[in-house]
Every structure is written in structure tokens, then in C-alpha cells.
C-alpha atoms as a PDB file:
ATOM      1  CA  UNK A   1      32.710-114.591  17.750  1.00  0.00           C
ATOM      2  CA  UNK A   2      34.237-116.274  20.795  1.00  0.00           C
ATOM      3  CA  UNK A   3      36.924-113.556  20.837  1.00  0.00           C
ATOM      4  CA  UNK A   4      34.118-111.141  21.637  1.00  0.00           C
ATOM      5  CA  UNK A   5      32.547-113.517  24.189  1.00  0.00           C
ATOM      6  CA  UNK A   6      29.575-114.126  21.917  1.00  0.00           C
ATOM      7  CA  UNK A   7      27.984-117.403  20.913  1.00  0.00           C
ATOM      8  CA  UNK A   8      28.180-118.453  17.286  1.00  0.00           C
ATOM      9  CA  UNK A   9      25.206-117.338  15.187  1.00  0.00           C
ATOM     10  CA  UNK A  10      22.454-119.854  14.485  1.00  0.00           C
ATOM     11  CA  UNK A  11      21.154-120.126  10.917  1.00  0.00           C
ATOM     12  CA  UNK A  12      17.791-121.805  10.294  1.00  0.00           C
ATOM     13  CA  UNK A  13      16.447-122.281   6.776  1.00  0.00           C
ATOM     14  CA  UNK A  14      12.672-122.061   6.775  1.00  0.00           C
ATOM     15  CA  UNK A  15      10.800-123.885   3.985  1.00  0.00           C
ATOM     16  CA  UNK A  16      13.635-123.208   1.542  1.00  0.00           C
ATOM     17  CA  UNK A  17      12.354-119.651   1.150  1.00  0.00           C
ATOM     18  CA  UNK A  18      13.833-117.667   3.981  1.00  0.00           C
ATOM     19  CA  UNK A  19      16.714-117.779   6.371  1.00  0.00           C
ATOM     20  CA  UNK A  20      16.398-117.061  10.074  1.00  0.00           C
ATOM     21  CA  UNK A  21      19.474-115.705  11.859  1.00  0.00           C
ATOM     22  CA  UNK A  22      19.709-115.820  15.655  1.00  0.00           C
ATOM     23  CA  UNK A  23      22.369-113.790  17.445  1.00  0.00           C
ATOM     24  CA  UNK A  24      22.660-114.119  21.210  1.00  0.00           C
ATOM     25  CA  UNK A  25      24.025-111.314  23.348  1.00  0.00           C
ATOM     26  CA  UNK A  26      25.861-112.011  26.595  1.00  0.00           C
ATOM     27  CA  UNK A  27      25.242-108.930  28.758  1.00  0.00           C
ATOM     28  CA  UNK A  28      27.528-110.137  31.560  1.00  0.00           C
ATOM     29  CA  UNK A  29      30.550-110.504  29.298  1.00  0.00           C
ATOM     30  CA  UNK A  30      29.746-107.302  27.414  1.00  0.00           C
ATOM     31  CA  UNK A  31      29.684-105.409  30.714  1.00  0.00           C
ATOM     32  CA  UNK A  32      32.967-107.001  31.713  1.00  0.00           C
ATOM     33  CA  UNK A  33      34.593-105.988  28.400  1.00  0.00           C
ATOM     34  CA  UNK A  34      33.366-102.400  28.755  1.00  0.00           C
ATOM     35  CA  UNK A  35      34.751-102.250  32.283  1.00  0.00           C
ATOM     36  CA  UNK A  36      38.110-103.633  31.100  1.00  0.00           C
ATOM     37  CA  UNK A  37      38.286-100.937  28.411  1.00  0.00           C
ATOM     38  CA  UNK A  38      37.537 -98.232  30.968  1.00  0.00           C
ATOM     39  CA  UNK A  39      40.258 -99.507  33.294  1.00  0.00           C
ATOM     40  CA  UNK A  40      42.860 -99.363  30.499  1.00  0.00           C
ATOM     41  CA  UNK A  41      42.971 -95.660  31.334  1.00  0.00           C
ATOM     42  CA  UNK A  42      45.856 -95.687  33.842  1.00  0.00           C
ATOM     43  CA  UNK A  43      44.586 -92.644  35.728  1.00  0.00           C
ATOM     44  CA  UNK A  44      41.161 -94.240  36.259  1.00  0.00           C
ATOM     45  CA  UNK A  45      42.654 -97.644  37.037  1.00  0.00           C
ATOM     46  CA  UNK A  46      44.872 -96.188  39.770  1.00  0.00           C
ATOM     47  CA  UNK A  47      41.901 -94.739  41.721  1.00  0.00           C
ATOM     48  CA  UNK A  48      39.050 -97.080  40.711  1.00  0.00           C
ATOM     49  CA  UNK A  49      38.924 -98.965  44.026  1.00  0.00           C
ATOM     50  CA  UNK A  50      38.869 -95.681  45.965  1.00  0.00           C
ATOM     51  CA  UNK A  51      35.749 -94.429  44.151  1.00  0.00           C
ATOM     52  CA  UNK A  52      32.302 -95.066  45.597  1.00  0.00           C
ATOM     53  CA  UNK A  53      29.687 -97.002  43.626  1.00  0.00           C
ATOM     54  CA  UNK A  54      27.954 -93.838  42.389  1.00  0.00           C
ATOM     55  CA  UNK A  55      31.223 -92.340  41.118  1.00  0.00           C
ATOM     56  CA  UNK A  56      32.075 -95.591  39.340  1.00  0.00           C
ATOM     57  CA  UNK A  57      28.636 -95.732  37.736  1.00  0.00           C
ATOM     58  CA  UNK A  58      28.791 -92.119  36.516  1.00  0.00           C
ATOM     59  CA  UNK A  59      32.311 -92.663  35.188  1.00  0.00           C
ATOM     60  CA  UNK A  60      31.114 -95.729  33.261  1.00  0.00           C
ATOM     61  CA  UNK A  61      28.220 -93.746  31.782  1.00  0.00           C
ATOM     62  CA  UNK A  62      30.528 -90.959  30.624  1.00  0.00           C
ATOM     63  CA  UNK A  63      32.951 -93.526  29.186  1.00  0.00           C
ATOM     64  CA  UNK A  64      30.159 -95.345  27.313  1.00  0.00           C
ATOM     65  CA  UNK A  65      28.415 -92.273  25.937  1.00  0.00           C
ATOM     66  CA  UNK A  66      31.325 -89.882  25.314  1.00  0.00           C
ATOM     67  CA  UNK A  67      30.009 -86.359  25.837  1.00  0.00           C
ATOM     68  CA  UNK A  68      27.229 -86.412  28.444  1.00  0.00           C
ATOM     69  CA  UNK A  69      25.059 -83.673  29.924  1.00  0.00           C
ATOM     70  CA  UNK A  70      24.327 -83.786  33.668  1.00  0.00           C
ATOM     71  CA  UNK A  71      20.607 -84.068  32.891  1.00  0.00           C
ATOM     72  CA  UNK A  72      21.260 -87.261  30.903  1.00  0.00           C
ATOM     73  CA  UNK A  73      23.132 -88.764  33.853  1.00  0.00           C
ATOM     74  CA  UNK A  74      20.227 -87.852  36.157  1.00  0.00           C
ATOM     75  CA  UNK A  75      17.833 -89.766  33.915  1.00  0.00           C
ATOM     76  CA  UNK A  76      20.078 -92.818  33.551  1.00  0.00           C
ATOM     77  CA  UNK A  77      20.859 -93.300  37.242  1.00  0.00           C
ATOM     78  CA  UNK A  78      17.530 -91.934  38.482  1.00  0.00           C
ATOM     79  CA  UNK A  79      19.067 -89.430  40.910  1.00  0.00           C
ATOM     80  CA  UNK A  80      18.415 -85.750  41.507  1.00  0.00           C
ATOM     81  CA  UNK A  81      20.447 -82.977  39.918  1.00  0.00           C
ATOM     82  CA  UNK A  82      22.254 -82.052  43.150  1.00  0.00           C
ATOM     83  CA  UNK A  83      23.507 -85.619  43.723  1.00  0.00           C
ATOM     84  CA  UNK A  84      24.810 -85.845  40.155  1.00  0.00           C
ATOM     85  CA  UNK A  85      26.495 -82.436  40.464  1.00  0.00           C
ATOM     86  CA  UNK A  86      28.272 -83.587  43.635  1.00  0.00           C
ATOM     87  CA  UNK A  87      29.530 -86.752  41.939  1.00  0.00           C
ATOM     88  CA  UNK A  88      30.652 -84.861  38.830  1.00  0.00           C
ATOM     89  CA  UNK A  89      32.475 -82.297  40.976  1.00  0.00           C
ATOM     90  CA  UNK A  90      34.313 -85.091  42.784  1.00  0.00           C
ATOM     91  CA  UNK A  91      35.339 -86.735  39.505  1.00  0.00           C
ATOM     92  CA  UNK A  92      36.577 -83.393  38.129  1.00  0.00           C
ATOM     93  CA  UNK A  93      38.571 -82.767  41.316  1.00  0.00           C
ATOM     94  CA  UNK A  94      40.117 -86.235  40.973  1.00  0.00           C
ATOM     95  CA  UNK A  95      41.196 -85.189  37.457  1.00  0.00           C
ATOM     96  CA  UNK A  96      39.260 -88.084  35.840  1.00  0.00           C
ATOM     97  CA  UNK A  97      36.757 -86.080  33.795  1.00  0.00           C
ATOM     98  CA  UNK A  98      36.531 -82.579  32.382  1.00  0.00           C
ATOM     99  CA  UNK A  99      33.642 -80.358  31.366  1.00  0.00           C
ATOM    100  CA  UNK A 100      33.162 -78.295  28.224  1.00  0.00           C
ATOM    101  CA  UNK A 101      30.856 -75.304  27.992  1.00  0.00           C
ATOM    102  CA  UNK A 102      30.779 -71.540  28.206  1.00  0.00           C
ATOM    103  CA  UNK A 103      30.449 -71.556  32.002  1.00  0.00           C
ATOM    104  CA  UNK A 104      29.923 -73.989  34.855  1.00  0.00           C
ATOM    105  CA  UNK A 105      26.174 -73.181  34.753  1.00  0.00           C
ATOM    106  CA  UNK A 106      25.906 -73.589  30.977  1.00  0.00           C
ATOM    107  CA  UNK A 107      22.852 -75.840  30.320  1.00  0.00           C
ATOM    108  CA  UNK A 108      24.611 -77.243  27.234  1.00  0.00           C
ATOM    109  CA  UNK A 109      27.742 -78.144  29.220  1.00  0.00           C
ATOM    110  CA  UNK A 110      29.005 -81.714  28.729  1.00  0.00           C
ATOM    111  CA  UNK A 111      31.412 -83.953  30.595  1.00  0.00           C
ATOM    112  CA  UNK A 112      33.900 -86.393  29.092  1.00  0.00           C
ATOM    113  CA  UNK A 113      36.723 -88.633  30.262  1.00  0.00           C
ATOM    114  CA  UNK A 114      39.977 -86.750  30.613  1.00  0.00           C
ATOM    115  CA  UNK A 115      42.760 -88.131  28.428  1.00  0.00           C
ATOM    116  CA  UNK A 116      45.832 -89.678  30.068  1.00  0.00           C
END
């Protein structure tokens, strides 16, 4: 468990009839691990410090979720469609993400991290 930055589970036997299991989650370390995985992508790692906070956040969302629609990103970061489109366009131009759909205006279009 410590290899995953998690505390050991706690087992409590209650009245000899049931067993209570307590698992604690460490959100700080989990976030750090996710960020480390994202930065293993050499292309992303090389430009990470040059990205603004919004671009980093959107990139993390796409990395975490896989295929993501712009509308989903809008909901997660609580920003309007135009702002998200601007950020996505910037990330595409930086060759970090790519979109899949029938056209750029396709409502079913999704974005994903571009492979190295």
C-alpha cells in the first residue's frame, strides 16, 4: 500500500459477527501520482512550464478521462464554451492533443492526448 502512497487498511471485528474495513485515500499524493504519469509524456513534459494554468488543467482532464467532449470540459472547469475552445485550439496547435470527429463542429467530437 505504501508503494501507492496509501495508508494500510484498518480491520475492525465487530461483535465477532462482522468485519469493518477502513481504507483511507490520500488525495494529495494521488494528484501528485497522476501529474507524474502525465509528465512521463516527453512532449508534454517539455512544454509543461510554458502552459498557463487553464491549459494545464484541461490537459490533466483529458489525460484522466481519455476521450473528452468540449462540453464535458466546460462542466468540469466551470467555464464557457468559447474559453474551452480557445484552450483546446492552443493545445492542438502545440501538438499535445488531437481531436476525432467528422468535422471541427461535430457535436460528438472528442479530444485525447496525442501519442509521443
